[in-house]
Protein backbone atom coordinates (compact mmCIF):
# COMPACT_ATOMS: atom_id res chain seq x y z
CA MET A 1 -95.74 131.02 -158.88
CA PRO A 2 -95.58 132.36 -162.54
CA ASN A 3 -93.28 135.37 -162.06
CA SER A 4 -94.89 138.10 -164.02
CA ALA A 5 -91.78 140.71 -164.84
CA ALA A 6 -93.79 143.19 -166.40
CA THR A 7 -96.35 143.32 -163.19
CA ASN A 8 -93.02 143.37 -160.93
CA ASP A 9 -91.22 146.22 -162.89
CA THR A 10 -94.43 148.23 -162.74
CA LEU A 11 -94.74 147.49 -158.76
CA LEU A 12 -91.22 148.38 -158.27
CA ALA A 13 -91.19 151.50 -160.36
CA LEU A 14 -94.02 152.85 -158.73
CA GLU A 15 -92.73 151.97 -155.13
CA ALA A 16 -89.70 153.92 -156.36
CA VAL A 17 -91.88 156.91 -157.45
CA LEU A 18 -93.62 157.16 -154.05
CA GLN A 19 -90.50 156.36 -152.06
CA ALA A 20 -89.12 159.37 -154.33
CA ARG A 21 -92.21 161.29 -153.08
CA LYS A 22 -91.37 161.46 -149.53
CA THR A 23 -89.53 164.13 -149.90
CA ALA A 24 -91.65 166.12 -152.54
CA ASP A 25 -93.28 169.79 -151.66
CA PRO A 26 -96.88 168.78 -150.70
CA SER A 27 -97.83 171.10 -152.78
CA SER A 28 -96.68 169.70 -155.93
CA SER A 29 -97.89 165.85 -155.59
CA TYR A 30 -100.86 164.12 -154.10
CA VAL A 31 -98.48 161.95 -152.46
CA ALA A 32 -96.47 164.28 -150.89
CA GLN A 33 -100.12 165.17 -149.50
CA LEU A 34 -100.95 161.92 -147.75
CA TYR A 35 -97.61 161.77 -146.66
CA ASP A 36 -97.88 165.44 -144.99
CA LYS A 37 -101.59 164.42 -143.92
CA GLY A 38 -99.88 161.15 -142.20
CA LEU A 39 -100.73 157.75 -141.58
CA ASN A 40 -103.99 158.49 -140.50
CA LYS A 41 -104.82 159.92 -143.77
CA ILE A 42 -103.64 157.33 -145.87
CA LEU A 43 -105.53 154.65 -144.02
CA GLU A 44 -108.77 156.79 -144.47
CA LYS A 45 -107.51 156.67 -148.54
CA VAL A 46 -107.20 152.74 -148.28
CA GLY A 47 -111.13 152.09 -146.67
CA GLU A 48 -112.24 154.74 -148.87
CA GLU A 49 -110.82 152.95 -151.49
CA ALA A 50 -111.97 149.56 -150.62
CA THR A 51 -115.54 150.23 -150.23
CA GLU A 52 -115.43 151.87 -153.55
CA THR A 53 -114.16 148.73 -155.30
CA ILE A 54 -116.79 146.58 -152.93
CA LEU A 55 -119.76 148.50 -154.61
CA ALA A 56 -118.06 148.14 -158.06
CA ALA A 57 -117.42 144.69 -157.64
CA LYS A 58 -121.41 144.74 -156.46
CA ASP A 59 -123.02 146.43 -159.45
CA LEU A 60 -120.40 144.91 -161.85
CA THR A 61 -122.02 144.12 -165.32
CA PRO A 62 -120.16 141.35 -167.51
CA ASP A 63 -119.80 143.73 -170.67
CA HIS A 64 -118.82 146.74 -168.16
CA PRO A 65 -115.79 145.95 -166.24
CA GLN A 66 -113.68 149.14 -166.28
CA GLU A 67 -115.67 150.83 -162.76
CA LEU A 68 -114.19 147.99 -161.03
CA VAL A 69 -110.64 147.82 -162.81
CA ALA A 70 -110.61 151.18 -161.86
CA GLU A 71 -111.31 151.14 -158.62
CA THR A 72 -109.16 148.23 -157.91
CA ALA A 73 -106.31 150.35 -159.15
CA ASP A 74 -107.32 153.11 -156.96
CA LEU A 75 -107.28 150.55 -154.16
CA TRP A 76 -103.65 148.99 -154.94
CA PHE A 77 -102.20 152.21 -155.63
CA HIS A 78 -103.32 154.02 -152.25
CA THR A 79 -102.21 150.36 -150.04
CA LEU A 80 -98.89 150.99 -151.53
CA VAL A 81 -98.95 154.64 -150.47
CA MET A 82 -99.47 152.87 -147.23
CA LEU A 83 -96.69 150.11 -147.41
CA ALA A 84 -94.05 153.02 -148.42
CA HIS A 85 -95.24 155.31 -145.65
CA CYS A 86 -94.86 152.09 -143.49
CA GLU A 87 -91.55 151.74 -144.78
CA VAL A 88 -92.65 148.00 -145.74
CA PRO A 89 -90.86 147.12 -149.45
CA VAL A 90 -93.63 146.09 -151.85
CA GLN A 91 -90.73 142.70 -152.62
CA ALA A 92 -92.15 141.79 -148.67
CA VAL A 93 -95.71 141.04 -150.01
CA LEU A 94 -94.56 139.89 -153.68
CA GLN A 95 -92.65 137.11 -151.42
CA GLU A 96 -95.32 136.94 -149.52
CA LEU A 97 -97.57 136.05 -152.48
CA ASP A 98 -95.36 133.81 -153.72
CA ARG A 99 -94.63 131.69 -150.53
CA ARG A 100 -98.65 131.05 -150.57
CA PHE A 101 -98.66 130.56 -154.34
CA GLY A 102 -99.92 126.82 -154.86
CA LEU A 103 -100.93 126.47 -150.83
CA SER A 104 -104.40 125.85 -150.22
CA GLY A 105 -105.78 128.71 -148.47
CA LEU A 106 -107.49 126.51 -145.42
CA THR A 107 -103.89 125.22 -145.25
CA GLU A 108 -102.28 128.39 -145.06
CA LYS A 109 -105.15 129.95 -143.02
CA ALA A 110 -104.12 127.11 -140.45
CA GLN A 111 -100.53 127.59 -140.69
CA ARG A 112 -100.93 131.33 -139.62
CA ALA A 113 -103.34 130.60 -136.80
CA GLU A 114 -100.86 128.34 -135.63
CA ARG A 115 -98.38 131.00 -135.36
CA THR A 116 -100.30 133.62 -133.86
CA ASP A 117 -100.88 130.88 -131.19
CA ASN A 118 -97.00 129.81 -130.64
CA GLY A 119 -95.91 133.29 -130.39
């Protein structure tokens, strides 16, 4: 998979900030407020942002992609908050994407089903 160092750097830098917010005062940080409210609130935000992303895609016009870009950024951000809360490193997701790169989606899905069936 082509490795974009800038993209990885951005994701890893954001992950570090999100980890630091775990010990921040909830009155000083939106992310700290999410952590303070717990996983259910974080999952609610991921679901809300996913819905808003879907609606932005549905209403997309070729000359105005910015709403879809903004909603996707919100979705990714809240997904990163969820991963950090669950102690799943961004690098684990990047490695999984690397593993899947160049692999047919149909093949990957069949392999996933096979792993589920076998254990």
